[in-house]
C-alpha atoms as a PDB file:
ATOM      1  CA  MET A   1     -18.129   5.583  34.561  1.00  0.00           C
ATOM      2  CA  LYS A   2     -16.734   9.148  34.917  1.00  0.00           C
ATOM      3  CA  SER A   3     -13.342   8.073  33.322  1.00  0.00           C
ATOM      4  CA  LEU A   4     -15.310   6.616  30.375  1.00  0.00           C
ATOM      5  CA  PHE A   5     -17.199   9.856  29.794  1.00  0.00           C
ATOM      6  CA  SER A   6     -14.001  11.809  30.087  1.00  0.00           C
ATOM      7  CA  PHE A   7     -12.300   9.548  27.632  1.00  0.00           C
ATOM      8  CA  LEU A   8     -15.220   9.783  25.069  1.00  0.00           C
ATOM      9  CA  LEU A   9     -15.038  13.622  25.365  1.00  0.00           C
ATOM     10  CA  LEU A  10     -11.275  13.653  24.790  1.00  0.00           C
ATOM     11  CA  ALA A  11     -11.657  11.246  21.884  1.00  0.00           C
ATOM     12  CA  LYS A  12     -14.304  13.499  20.397  1.00  0.00           C
ATOM     13  CA  GLY A  13     -11.998  16.561  20.637  1.00  0.00           C
ATOM     14  CA  GLU A  14      -9.182  14.676  19.100  1.00  0.00           C
ATOM     15  CA  ALA A  15     -11.451  13.450  16.171  1.00  0.00           C
ATOM     16  CA  LEU A  16     -12.472  17.090  15.451  1.00  0.00           C
ATOM     17  CA  LYS A  17      -8.751  17.844  14.926  1.00  0.00           C
ATOM     18  CA  ILE A  18      -8.608  15.501  11.981  1.00  0.00           C
ATOM     19  CA  THR A  19      -7.946  16.998   8.582  1.00  0.00           C
ATOM     20  CA  TRP A  20      -9.156  14.908   5.754  1.00  0.00           C
ATOM     21  CA  PRO A  21      -7.417  14.955   2.302  1.00  0.00           C
ATOM     22  CA  SER A  22      -9.254  16.706  -0.553  1.00  0.00           C
ATOM     23  CA  ARG A  23     -10.738  14.568  -3.406  1.00  0.00           C
ATOM     24  CA  GLU A  24      -7.856  15.645  -5.611  1.00  0.00           C
ATOM     25  CA  GLN A  25      -5.277  14.357  -3.133  1.00  0.00           C
ATOM     26  CA  VAL A  26      -7.087  11.070  -2.653  1.00  0.00           C
ATOM     27  CA  VAL A  27      -7.268  10.534  -6.470  1.00  0.00           C
ATOM     28  CA  ARG A  28      -3.521  11.451  -6.908  1.00  0.00           C
ATOM     29  CA  TYR A  29      -2.333   9.278  -4.148  1.00  0.00           C
ATOM     30  CA  THR A  30      -4.521   6.216  -5.448  1.00  0.00           C
ATOM     31  CA  LEU A  31      -3.042   6.619  -8.830  1.00  0.00           C
ATOM     32  CA  ILE A  32       0.441   6.671  -7.319  1.00  0.00           C
ATOM     33  CA  VAL A  33      -0.144   3.605  -5.368  1.00  0.00           C
ATOM     34  CA  LEU A  34      -1.728   1.753  -8.417  1.00  0.00           C
ATOM     35  CA  SER A  35       1.135   2.747 -10.654  1.00  0.00           C
ATOM     36  CA  VAL A  36       3.887   1.671  -8.185  1.00  0.00           C
ATOM     37  CA  SER A  37       1.974  -1.610  -7.697  1.00  0.00           C
ATOM     38  CA  ALA A  38       1.778  -2.262 -11.415  1.00  0.00           C
ATOM     39  CA  ALA A  39       5.495  -1.354 -11.764  1.00  0.00           C
ATOM     40  CA  VAL A  40       6.536  -3.819  -8.936  1.00  0.00           C
ATOM     41  CA  ALA A  41       4.222  -6.558 -10.364  1.00  0.00           C
ATOM     42  CA  VAL A  42       5.845  -6.067 -13.793  1.00  0.00           C
ATOM     43  CA  LEU A  43       9.412  -6.059 -12.216  1.00  0.00           C
ATOM     44  CA  LEU A  44       8.726  -9.211 -10.270  1.00  0.00           C
ATOM     45  CA  GLY A  45       7.047 -11.025 -13.131  1.00  0.00           C
ATOM     46  CA  THR A  46      10.090 -10.204 -15.412  1.00  0.00           C
ATOM     47  CA  LEU A  47      12.588 -11.297 -12.734  1.00  0.00           C
ATOM     48  CA  ASP A  48      10.676 -14.554 -12.072  1.00  0.00           C
ATOM     49  CA  SER A  49      10.693 -15.422 -15.846  1.00  0.00           C
ATOM     50  CA  PHE A  50      14.327 -14.671 -16.066  1.00  0.00           C
ATOM     51  CA  PHE A  51      15.136 -16.801 -13.108  1.00  0.00           C
ATOM     52  CA  GLY A  52      12.840 -19.571 -14.272  1.00  0.00           C
ATOM     53  CA  MET A  53      14.582 -19.640 -17.632  1.00  0.00           C
ATOM     54  CA  LEU A  54      18.023 -19.550 -15.917  1.00  0.00           C
ATOM     55  CA  PHE A  55      17.062 -22.421 -13.679  1.00  0.00           C
ATOM     56  CA  LYS A  56      16.006 -24.567 -16.579  1.00  0.00           C
ATOM     57  CA  LYS A  57      19.050 -23.964 -18.550  1.00  0.00           C
ATOM     58  CA  ILE A  58      21.547 -24.321 -15.783  1.00  0.00           C
ATOM     59  CA  ILE A  59      19.962 -26.891 -13.383  1.00  0.00           C
ATOM     60  CA  LEU A  60      17.863 -28.836 -15.677  1.00  0.00           C
ATOM     61  CA  GLY A  61      20.110 -28.655 -18.633  1.00  0.00           C
ATOM     62  CA  GLU A  62      17.205 -27.979 -21.066  1.00  0.00           C
END
């Protein structure tokens, strides 16, 4: 029981050292993640369409 109590005290001490990002940083990082995700989605969609057309022309002979 003593080790559990000391663990909880250490955990609380470590939790107090956490520095949270500001609201502006969270908004900025969220916009970056959304932008990169959208760019990757567009890139993958374009490549999928291109290779789909290539497959139809070369393999299926359409």
